[in-house]
Amino acid sequence: MTDYIGYEALTQAAMRGVVREALRQAEKGSAPPGDHHFYVTFRTKAPGVKIPDHLVEQFPDEMTIVVQHQYWDLEVHDGHFEIVLKFNRVPQHLSIPYVALTRFVDPAVNFGVSFEKPASGEDASVVSPALGTPMGTPTGTPSDSSESTPGAADTPASGSNETVVNLDAFRRK
């Protein structure tokens, strides 16, 4: 066994901590501070994710939510966050562990980060216990939901299963 420092896993854990702290800023008020708003993409079937079954059926692999104006009961914990969002005008409770995240974007400051699972055989013990342990790879694309992902466009790159979200519609001109 080779001893090495897993900098990639350390970086991923640190960036999940950044997401947690950004969400804590939003938790303090009724909206993220200033012009901040967050696009949070996560694996819907990842261990620890708790969302209604009909949302898992609609978004079988990944889902992007928007934390901006219309959310309720945001609770930020060490290993996960909980939030209430409306889907088709019906409030739904979501509980999302940070290790389920695949992307986090704050377009107000052009900040974004993507999360990856460790390479097979890589030591997962470097992930902060508060943020959980790494898990599986995304296998599909989120579908568009008018209240959860405004501006999302399903335009996969050739040969990929990724979704491109056009943020230009949300930029101030």
N, C-alpha and C. Protein backbone atom coordinates (compact mmCIF):
# COMPACT_ATOMS: atom_id res chain seq x y z
N MET A 1 0.85 -1.18 0.00
CA MET A 1 0.00 0.00 0.00
C MET A 1 0.89 1.24 0.00
N THR A 2 0.60 2.18 -0.89
CA THR A 2 1.38 3.39 -1.01
C THR A 2 0.80 4.46 -0.09
N ASP A 3 1.65 5.09 0.70
CA ASP A 3 1.21 6.19 1.53
C ASP A 3 1.25 7.46 0.69
N TYR A 4 0.14 8.20 0.70
CA TYR A 4 0.10 9.46 -0.02
C TYR A 4 -0.96 10.34 0.62
N ILE A 5 -0.88 11.61 0.34
CA ILE A 5 -1.89 12.55 0.82
C ILE A 5 -2.90 12.69 -0.30
N GLY A 6 -4.15 12.40 -0.03
CA GLY A 6 -5.21 12.48 -1.03
C GLY A 6 -5.73 13.91 -1.15
N TYR A 7 -4.97 14.75 -1.85
CA TYR A 7 -5.33 16.16 -1.94
C TYR A 7 -6.67 16.38 -2.63
N GLU A 8 -6.99 15.58 -3.63
CA GLU A 8 -8.27 15.75 -4.32
C GLU A 8 -9.44 15.53 -3.35
N ALA A 9 -9.36 14.47 -2.56
CA ALA A 9 -10.43 14.19 -1.59
C ALA A 9 -10.47 15.26 -0.51
N LEU A 10 -9.31 15.75 -0.08
CA LEU A 10 -9.28 16.83 0.90
C LEU A 10 -9.92 18.10 0.34
N THR A 11 -9.63 18.39 -0.91
CA THR A 11 -10.20 19.57 -1.56
C THR A 11 -11.70 19.44 -1.69
N GLN A 12 -12.17 18.26 -2.10
CA GLN A 12 -13.61 18.04 -2.23
C GLN A 12 -14.32 18.22 -0.89
N ALA A 13 -13.73 17.69 0.18
CA ALA A 13 -14.33 17.83 1.52
C ALA A 13 -14.34 19.30 1.94
N ALA A 14 -13.27 20.02 1.66
CA ALA A 14 -13.22 21.44 2.01
C ALA A 14 -14.27 22.23 1.24
N MET A 15 -14.45 21.91 -0.04
CA MET A 15 -15.44 22.64 -0.84
C MET A 15 -16.86 22.32 -0.39
N ARG A 16 -17.11 21.11 0.07
CA ARG A 16 -18.42 20.80 0.65
C ARG A 16 -18.64 21.65 1.91
N GLY A 17 -17.57 21.90 2.65
CA GLY A 17 -17.65 22.79 3.80
C GLY A 17 -17.98 24.22 3.39
N VAL A 18 -17.45 24.66 2.25
CA VAL A 18 -17.77 25.99 1.72
C VAL A 18 -19.27 26.06 1.41
N VAL A 19 -19.81 25.02 0.79
CA VAL A 19 -21.24 24.98 0.48
C VAL A 19 -22.04 25.06 1.77
N ARG A 20 -21.64 24.28 2.77
CA ARG A 20 -22.35 24.29 4.05
C ARG A 20 -22.37 25.70 4.64
N GLU A 21 -21.23 26.38 4.60
CA GLU A 21 -21.17 27.72 5.18
C GLU A 21 -21.99 28.72 4.37
N ALA A 22 -22.01 28.60 3.05
CA ALA A 22 -22.85 29.48 2.22
C ALA A 22 -24.32 29.27 2.56
N LEU A 23 -24.72 28.02 2.73
CA LEU A 23 -26.10 27.73 3.11
C LEU A 23 -26.40 28.27 4.51
N ARG A 24 -25.43 28.24 5.41
CA ARG A 24 -25.64 28.82 6.75
C ARG A 24 -25.91 30.31 6.67
N GLN A 25 -25.25 30.99 5.73
CA GLN A 25 -25.52 32.41 5.54
C GLN A 25 -26.97 32.63 5.12
N ALA A 26 -27.47 31.76 4.25
CA ALA A 26 -28.86 31.86 3.80
C ALA A 26 -29.83 31.47 4.91
N GLU A 27 -29.40 30.56 5.78
CA GLU A 27 -30.24 30.10 6.87
C GLU A 27 -30.54 31.23 7.85
N LYS A 28 -29.62 32.17 8.00
CA LYS A 28 -29.76 33.25 8.97
C LYS A 28 -30.86 34.24 8.59
N GLY A 29 -31.15 34.37 7.30
CA GLY A 29 -32.17 35.30 6.85
C GLY A 29 -33.26 34.57 6.10
N SER A 30 -34.14 35.34 5.49
CA SER A 30 -35.21 34.72 4.71
C SER A 30 -34.76 34.46 3.28
N ALA A 31 -33.56 34.89 2.93
CA ALA A 31 -33.00 34.66 1.59
C ALA A 31 -31.49 34.77 1.71
N PRO A 32 -30.76 34.22 0.74
CA PRO A 32 -29.31 34.41 0.76
C PRO A 32 -28.99 35.91 0.76
N PRO A 33 -27.88 36.32 1.38
CA PRO A 33 -27.58 37.74 1.49
C PRO A 33 -27.35 38.39 0.13
N GLY A 34 -27.75 39.66 0.02
CA GLY A 34 -27.53 40.43 -1.20
C GLY A 34 -28.16 39.78 -2.42
N ASP A 35 -27.41 39.74 -3.51
CA ASP A 35 -27.89 39.15 -4.76
C ASP A 35 -27.57 37.67 -4.87
N HIS A 36 -27.02 37.08 -3.82
CA HIS A 36 -26.65 35.67 -3.87
C HIS A 36 -27.88 34.78 -4.04
N HIS A 37 -27.72 33.75 -4.82
CA HIS A 37 -28.68 32.66 -4.93
C HIS A 37 -27.91 31.44 -5.40
N PHE A 38 -28.42 30.28 -5.03
CA PHE A 38 -27.65 29.07 -5.23
C PHE A 38 -28.38 28.07 -6.10
N TYR A 39 -27.64 27.45 -6.99
CA TYR A 39 -28.10 26.28 -7.74
C TYR A 39 -27.38 25.09 -7.12
N VAL A 40 -28.14 24.16 -6.59
CA VAL A 40 -27.56 23.01 -5.92
C VAL A 40 -28.01 21.76 -6.66
N THR A 41 -27.08 21.02 -7.22
CA THR A 41 -27.38 19.79 -7.94
C THR A 41 -26.92 18.61 -7.09
N PHE A 42 -27.79 17.61 -6.98
CA PHE A 42 -27.46 16.46 -6.15
C PHE A 42 -28.01 15.19 -6.77
N ARG A 43 -27.44 14.04 -6.33
CA ARG A 43 -27.89 12.73 -6.78
C ARG A 43 -29.14 12.36 -5.99
N THR A 44 -30.22 12.10 -6.67
CA THR A 44 -31.49 11.85 -5.99
C THR A 44 -31.54 10.50 -5.29
N LYS A 45 -30.73 9.55 -5.74
CA LYS A 45 -30.75 8.21 -5.13
C LYS A 45 -29.53 7.95 -4.25
N ALA A 46 -28.81 8.99 -3.91
CA ALA A 46 -27.63 8.82 -3.06
C ALA A 46 -28.07 8.46 -1.64
N PRO A 47 -27.25 7.70 -0.94
CA PRO A 47 -27.59 7.36 0.44
C PRO A 47 -27.80 8.62 1.28
N GLY A 48 -28.87 8.61 2.04
CA GLY A 48 -29.17 9.73 2.93
C GLY A 48 -30.07 10.79 2.33
N VAL A 49 -30.26 10.79 1.00
CA VAL A 49 -31.16 11.76 0.38
C VAL A 49 -32.59 11.37 0.72
N LYS A 50 -33.35 12.35 1.21
CA LYS A 50 -34.77 12.11 1.53
C LYS A 50 -35.60 13.14 0.79
N ILE A 51 -36.24 12.68 -0.28
CA ILE A 51 -37.14 13.51 -1.06
C ILE A 51 -38.35 12.66 -1.41
N PRO A 52 -39.49 13.30 -1.72
CA PRO A 52 -40.68 12.52 -2.06
C PRO A 52 -40.44 11.59 -3.25
N ASP A 53 -41.09 10.42 -3.21
CA ASP A 53 -40.93 9.42 -4.27
C ASP A 53 -41.23 9.97 -5.66
N HIS A 54 -42.25 10.82 -5.76
CA HIS A 54 -42.61 11.33 -7.09
C HIS A 54 -41.49 12.21 -7.66
N LEU A 55 -40.68 12.85 -6.81
CA LEU A 55 -39.55 13.62 -7.31
C LEU A 55 -38.42 12.71 -7.77
N VAL A 56 -38.23 11.60 -7.07
CA VAL A 56 -37.23 10.62 -7.51
C VAL A 56 -37.63 10.05 -8.87
N GLU A 57 -38.93 9.81 -9.07
CA GLU A 57 -39.41 9.31 -10.36
C GLU A 57 -39.20 10.35 -11.45
N GLN A 58 -39.44 11.62 -11.13
CA GLN A 58 -39.28 12.68 -12.12
C GLN A 58 -37.81 12.99 -12.38
N PHE A 59 -36.98 12.86 -11.34
CA PHE A 59 -35.55 13.14 -11.44
C PHE A 59 -34.80 11.89 -10.98
N PRO A 60 -34.70 10.87 -11.80
CA PRO A 60 -34.16 9.58 -11.35
C PRO A 60 -32.67 9.57 -11.03
N ASP A 61 -31.92 10.53 -11.50
CA ASP A 61 -30.48 10.51 -11.28
C ASP A 61 -29.99 11.74 -10.53
N GLU A 62 -30.27 12.90 -11.07
CA GLU A 62 -29.84 14.17 -10.47
C GLU A 62 -30.99 15.16 -10.50
N MET A 63 -30.91 16.11 -9.60
CA MET A 63 -31.90 17.18 -9.57
C MET A 63 -31.18 18.47 -9.17
N THR A 64 -31.60 19.58 -9.76
CA THR A 64 -31.06 20.88 -9.40
C THR A 64 -32.16 21.68 -8.73
N ILE A 65 -31.85 22.23 -7.56
CA ILE A 65 -32.79 23.11 -6.88
C ILE A 65 -32.19 24.51 -6.84
N VAL A 66 -33.05 25.50 -6.68
CA VAL A 66 -32.62 26.88 -6.60
C VAL A 66 -32.98 27.40 -5.21
N VAL A 67 -31.98 27.92 -4.51
CA VAL A 67 -32.20 28.53 -3.21
C VAL A 67 -32.08 30.02 -3.43
N GLN A 68 -33.25 30.69 -3.52
CA GLN A 68 -33.23 32.12 -3.78
C GLN A 68 -34.31 32.81 -2.98
N HIS A 69 -35.53 32.88 -3.50
CA HIS A 69 -36.59 33.61 -2.82
C HIS A 69 -37.63 32.69 -2.19
N GLN A 70 -38.04 31.68 -2.90
CA GLN A 70 -39.16 30.87 -2.45
C GLN A 70 -38.70 29.53 -1.89
N TYR A 71 -38.23 29.57 -0.67
CA TYR A 71 -37.90 28.36 0.07
C TYR A 71 -38.26 28.63 1.53
N TRP A 72 -38.43 27.54 2.27
CA TRP A 72 -38.84 27.67 3.66
C TRP A 72 -38.07 26.66 4.50
N ASP A 73 -37.98 26.96 5.78
CA ASP A 73 -37.45 26.04 6.78
C ASP A 73 -36.08 25.48 6.42
N LEU A 74 -35.18 26.33 5.93
CA LEU A 74 -33.82 25.88 5.64
C LEU A 74 -33.13 25.60 6.97
N GLU A 75 -32.65 24.38 7.12
CA GLU A 75 -31.89 23.97 8.30
C GLU A 75 -30.56 23.39 7.82
N VAL A 76 -29.48 23.96 8.29
CA VAL A 76 -28.16 23.53 7.86
C VAL A 76 -27.51 22.76 9.01
N HIS A 77 -27.20 21.51 8.77
CA HIS A 77 -26.56 20.65 9.75
C HIS A 77 -25.15 20.34 9.28
N ASP A 78 -24.36 19.68 10.12
CA ASP A 78 -22.98 19.38 9.75
C ASP A 78 -22.88 18.45 8.55
N GLY A 79 -23.75 17.44 8.45
CA GLY A 79 -23.64 16.46 7.38
C GLY A 79 -24.66 16.58 6.27
N HIS A 80 -25.68 17.43 6.47
CA HIS A 80 -26.74 17.57 5.47
C HIS A 80 -27.47 18.89 5.68
N PHE A 81 -28.33 19.23 4.72
CA PHE A 81 -29.23 20.36 4.93
C PHE A 81 -30.64 19.93 4.56
N GLU A 82 -31.60 20.64 5.13
CA GLU A 82 -33.01 20.38 4.87
C GLU A 82 -33.64 21.67 4.40
N ILE A 83 -34.60 21.54 3.49
CA ILE A 83 -35.24 22.71 2.92
C ILE A 83 -36.63 22.32 2.43
N VAL A 84 -37.54 23.27 2.44
CA VAL A 84 -38.86 23.07 1.86
C VAL A 84 -38.96 23.94 0.62
N LEU A 85 -39.28 23.32 -0.50
CA LEU A 85 -39.47 24.01 -1.78
C LEU A 85 -40.82 23.61 -2.34
N LYS A 86 -41.38 24.47 -3.18
CA LYS A 86 -42.64 24.13 -3.83
C LYS A 86 -42.38 23.53 -5.20
N PHE A 87 -43.05 22.42 -5.47
CA PHE A 87 -43.05 21.77 -6.78
C PHE A 87 -44.50 21.70 -7.21
N ASN A 88 -44.82 22.33 -8.33
CA ASN A 88 -46.20 22.42 -8.79
C ASN A 88 -47.10 22.98 -7.68
N ARG A 89 -46.60 24.01 -7.02
CA ARG A 89 -47.30 24.74 -5.95
C ARG A 89 -47.54 23.94 -4.68
N VAL A 90 -46.92 22.77 -4.56
CA VAL A 90 -47.08 21.94 -3.36
C VAL A 90 -45.75 21.93 -2.60
N PRO A 91 -45.75 22.35 -1.33
CA PRO A 91 -44.51 22.32 -0.55
C PRO A 91 -44.00 20.89 -0.35
N GLN A 92 -42.69 20.71 -0.55
CA GLN A 92 -42.06 19.40 -0.39
C GLN A 92 -40.82 19.56 0.47
N HIS A 93 -40.65 18.66 1.43
CA HIS A 93 -39.48 18.67 2.30
C HIS A 93 -38.37 17.83 1.67
N LEU A 94 -37.16 18.40 1.59
CA LEU A 94 -36.00 17.70 1.05
C LEU A 94 -34.90 17.68 2.11
N SER A 95 -34.24 16.56 2.25
CA SER A 95 -33.08 16.44 3.13
C SER A 95 -31.93 15.91 2.27
N ILE A 96 -30.85 16.69 2.18
CA ILE A 96 -29.79 16.38 1.22
C ILE A 96 -28.43 16.37 1.93
N PRO A 97 -27.78 15.21 1.98
CA PRO A 97 -26.42 15.19 2.54
C PRO A 97 -25.44 15.86 1.57
N TYR A 98 -24.43 16.50 2.13
CA TYR A 98 -23.45 17.21 1.28
C TYR A 98 -22.72 16.26 0.35
N VAL A 99 -22.55 15.00 0.75
CA VAL A 99 -21.85 14.06 -0.11
C VAL A 99 -22.66 13.68 -1.34
N ALA A 100 -23.95 14.01 -1.36
CA ALA A 100 -24.78 13.74 -2.53
C ALA A 100 -24.66 14.84 -3.58
N LEU A 101 -24.02 15.96 -3.23
CA LEU A 101 -23.91 17.09 -4.15
C LEU A 101 -23.00 16.76 -5.33
N THR A 102 -23.40 17.22 -6.50
CA THR A 102 -22.55 17.10 -7.67
C THR A 102 -22.10 18.47 -8.17
N ARG A 103 -22.92 19.51 -7.92
CA ARG A 103 -22.55 20.87 -8.32
C ARG A 103 -23.18 21.88 -7.37
N PHE A 104 -22.50 23.01 -7.22
CA PHE A 104 -23.00 24.15 -6.46
C PHE A 104 -22.57 25.39 -7.21
N VAL A 105 -23.52 26.29 -7.51
CA VAL A 105 -23.21 27.51 -8.25
C VAL A 105 -23.89 28.68 -7.56
N ASP A 106 -23.14 29.77 -7.40
CA ASP A 106 -23.69 31.06 -6.97
C ASP A 106 -23.39 32.04 -8.09
N PRO A 107 -24.34 32.23 -9.02
CA PRO A 107 -24.07 33.08 -10.19
C PRO A 107 -23.89 34.55 -9.85
N ALA A 108 -24.31 34.99 -8.67
CA ALA A 108 -24.16 36.40 -8.30
C ALA A 108 -22.69 36.79 -8.22
N VAL A 109 -21.83 35.82 -7.93
CA VAL A 109 -20.40 36.11 -7.81
C VAL A 109 -19.56 35.21 -8.71
N ASN A 110 -20.20 34.58 -9.68
CA ASN A 110 -19.52 33.68 -10.62
C ASN A 110 -18.72 32.60 -9.90
N PHE A 111 -19.32 32.01 -8.87
CA PHE A 111 -18.66 30.94 -8.14
C PHE A 111 -19.37 29.63 -8.43
N GLY A 112 -18.60 28.60 -8.69
CA GLY A 112 -19.17 27.28 -8.90
C GLY A 112 -18.16 26.21 -8.60
N VAL A 113 -18.64 25.07 -8.18
CA VAL A 113 -17.77 23.94 -7.89
C VAL A 113 -18.50 22.66 -8.27
N SER A 114 -17.76 21.70 -8.81
CA SER A 114 -18.30 20.38 -9.13
C SER A 114 -17.64 19.38 -8.20
N PHE A 115 -18.41 18.38 -7.81
CA PHE A 115 -17.91 17.36 -6.91
C PHE A 115 -17.85 16.03 -7.64
N GLU A 116 -16.81 15.27 -7.33
CA GLU A 116 -16.63 13.96 -7.95
C GLU A 116 -16.43 12.93 -6.85
N LYS A 117 -16.74 11.70 -7.18
CA LYS A 117 -16.44 10.63 -6.24
C LYS A 117 -14.96 10.30 -6.36
N PRO A 118 -14.36 9.78 -5.29
CA PRO A 118 -12.95 9.41 -5.37
C PRO A 118 -12.74 8.29 -6.38
N ALA A 119 -11.56 8.26 -6.96
CA ALA A 119 -11.22 7.16 -7.87
C ALA A 119 -11.30 5.85 -7.11
N SER A 120 -11.66 4.77 -7.79
CA SER A 120 -11.80 3.50 -7.09
C SER A 120 -10.48 3.14 -6.43
N GLY A 121 -10.61 2.69 -5.19
CA GLY A 121 -9.43 2.34 -4.42
C GLY A 121 -8.84 3.51 -3.66
N GLU A 122 -9.30 4.75 -3.95
CA GLU A 122 -8.78 5.90 -3.24
C GLU A 122 -9.30 5.88 -1.81
N ASP A 123 -8.49 6.35 -0.90
CA ASP A 123 -8.86 6.35 0.52
C ASP A 123 -9.94 7.37 0.77
N ALA A 124 -11.13 6.91 1.13
CA ALA A 124 -12.25 7.81 1.41
C ALA A 124 -12.21 8.33 2.83
N SER A 125 -11.28 7.86 3.64
CA SER A 125 -11.25 8.27 5.03
C SER A 125 -10.85 9.72 5.20
N VAL A 126 -10.35 10.37 4.16
CA VAL A 126 -9.96 11.77 4.29
C VAL A 126 -11.15 12.71 4.23
N VAL A 127 -12.32 12.21 3.87
CA VAL A 127 -13.51 13.04 3.84
C VAL A 127 -13.94 13.30 5.27
N SER A 128 -14.25 14.54 5.57
CA SER A 128 -14.66 14.92 6.91
C SER A 128 -15.85 14.10 7.36
N PRO A 129 -15.81 13.50 8.56
CA PRO A 129 -16.94 12.72 9.04
C PRO A 129 -18.22 13.57 9.11
N ALA A 130 -18.10 14.86 9.36
CA ALA A 130 -19.27 15.72 9.43
C ALA A 130 -19.94 15.85 8.06
N LEU A 131 -19.17 15.68 7.01
CA LEU A 131 -19.73 15.80 5.67
C LEU A 131 -20.08 14.45 5.08
N GLY A 132 -19.84 13.38 5.80
CA GLY A 132 -20.22 12.06 5.34
C GLY A 132 -19.11 11.40 4.54
N THR A 133 -19.45 10.27 3.94
CA THR A 133 -18.48 9.55 3.13
C THR A 133 -18.88 9.64 1.67
N PRO A 134 -17.92 9.58 0.77
CA PRO A 134 -18.23 9.66 -0.66
C PRO A 134 -19.09 8.49 -1.11
N MET A 135 -19.87 8.73 -2.17
CA MET A 135 -20.65 7.65 -2.74
C MET A 135 -20.67 7.73 -4.25
N GLY A 136 -21.63 7.02 -4.88
CA GLY A 136 -21.67 6.76 -6.31
C GLY A 136 -21.62 7.92 -7.27
N THR A 137 -21.51 7.58 -8.52
CA THR A 137 -21.39 8.51 -9.63
C THR A 137 -22.75 8.83 -10.22
N PRO A 138 -22.96 10.08 -10.66
CA PRO A 138 -24.23 10.39 -11.32
C PRO A 138 -24.36 9.60 -12.61
N THR A 139 -25.58 9.21 -12.93
CA THR A 139 -25.76 8.40 -14.13
C THR A 139 -26.73 9.01 -15.12
N GLY A 140 -27.20 10.21 -14.88
CA GLY A 140 -28.17 10.77 -15.81
C GLY A 140 -28.25 12.27 -15.69
N THR A 141 -29.35 12.84 -16.20
CA THR A 141 -29.53 14.28 -16.21
C THR A 141 -30.77 14.66 -15.44
N PRO A 142 -30.74 15.84 -14.80
CA PRO A 142 -31.95 16.30 -14.17
C PRO A 142 -32.93 16.78 -15.23
N SER A 143 -34.20 16.63 -14.95
CA SER A 143 -35.24 17.16 -15.83
C SER A 143 -35.55 18.58 -15.40
N ASP A 144 -36.17 19.34 -16.29
CA ASP A 144 -36.52 20.71 -15.97
C ASP A 144 -37.79 20.74 -15.14
N SER A 145 -37.78 21.52 -14.09
CA SER A 145 -38.96 21.75 -13.26
C SER A 145 -39.08 23.24 -13.10
N SER A 146 -40.18 23.82 -13.51
CA SER A 146 -40.29 25.26 -13.60
C SER A 146 -40.04 25.96 -12.28
N GLU A 147 -40.38 25.36 -11.16
CA GLU A 147 -40.17 26.04 -9.90
C GLU A 147 -38.86 25.66 -9.24
N SER A 148 -38.23 24.57 -9.66
CA SER A 148 -37.00 24.18 -8.99
C SER A 148 -35.76 24.50 -9.80
N THR A 149 -35.88 24.62 -11.12
CA THR A 149 -34.70 24.90 -11.93
C THR A 149 -35.01 25.87 -13.05
N PRO A 150 -35.35 27.12 -12.72
CA PRO A 150 -35.60 28.06 -13.81
C PRO A 150 -34.34 28.28 -14.62
N GLY A 151 -34.49 28.31 -15.93
CA GLY A 151 -33.36 28.55 -16.81
C GLY A 151 -32.56 27.32 -17.15
N ALA A 152 -32.92 26.18 -16.59
CA ALA A 152 -32.17 24.97 -16.90
C ALA A 152 -32.52 24.52 -18.31
N ALA A 153 -31.51 24.08 -19.01
CA ALA A 153 -31.73 23.61 -20.37
C ALA A 153 -31.09 22.25 -20.51
N ASP A 154 -31.84 21.29 -21.03
CA ASP A 154 -31.28 19.96 -21.24
C ASP A 154 -30.56 19.94 -22.58
N THR A 155 -29.29 20.33 -22.54
CA THR A 155 -28.49 20.36 -23.75
C THR A 155 -27.19 19.61 -23.49
N PRO A 156 -27.27 18.29 -23.50
CA PRO A 156 -26.07 17.52 -23.19
C PRO A 156 -25.00 17.66 -24.26
N ALA A 157 -23.76 17.64 -23.81
CA ALA A 157 -22.64 17.64 -24.75
C ALA A 157 -22.61 16.29 -25.44
N SER A 158 -22.01 16.23 -26.59
CA SER A 158 -22.01 14.98 -27.34
C SER A 158 -21.40 13.86 -26.53
N GLY A 159 -22.15 12.78 -26.41
CA GLY A 159 -21.67 11.60 -25.71
C GLY A 159 -21.71 11.71 -24.20
N SER A 160 -22.27 12.79 -23.64
CA SER A 160 -22.29 12.91 -22.19
C SER A 160 -23.72 12.91 -21.68
N ASN A 161 -23.85 12.64 -20.41
CA ASN A 161 -25.17 12.67 -19.77
C ASN A 161 -25.28 13.86 -18.85
N GLU A 162 -24.56 14.94 -19.11
CA GLU A 162 -24.59 16.10 -18.25
C GLU A 162 -25.59 17.12 -18.76
N THR A 163 -26.09 17.94 -17.86
CA THR A 163 -27.00 19.00 -18.21
C THR A 163 -26.27 20.32 -18.12
N VAL A 164 -26.49 21.16 -19.10
CA VAL A 164 -25.91 22.48 -19.09
C VAL A 164 -26.98 23.44 -18.60
N VAL A 165 -26.65 24.23 -17.60
CA VAL A 165 -27.58 25.22 -17.08
C VAL A 165 -27.11 26.58 -17.58
N ASN A 166 -27.95 27.26 -18.34
CA ASN A 166 -27.62 28.57 -18.87
C ASN A 166 -27.96 29.61 -17.82
N LEU A 167 -26.94 30.23 -17.25
CA LEU A 167 -27.14 31.21 -16.19
C LEU A 167 -27.28 32.63 -16.72
N ASP A 168 -27.12 32.82 -18.02
CA ASP A 168 -27.20 34.16 -18.59
C ASP A 168 -28.54 34.82 -18.32
N ALA A 169 -29.61 34.04 -18.24
CA ALA A 169 -30.93 34.60 -18.01
C ALA A 169 -31.04 35.25 -16.63
N PHE A 170 -30.13 34.91 -15.73
CA PHE A 170 -30.19 35.43 -14.36
C PHE A 170 -29.19 36.54 -14.09
N ARG A 171 -28.37 36.86 -15.08
CA ARG A 171 -27.36 37.92 -14.88
C ARG A 171 -27.99 39.29 -15.08
N ARG A 172 -27.52 40.23 -14.27
CA ARG A 172 -27.96 41.60 -14.47
C ARG A 172 -27.28 42.17 -15.70
N LYS A 173 -28.02 42.93 -16.45
CA LYS A 173 -27.45 43.51 -17.68
C LYS A 173 -27.30 45.00 -17.53
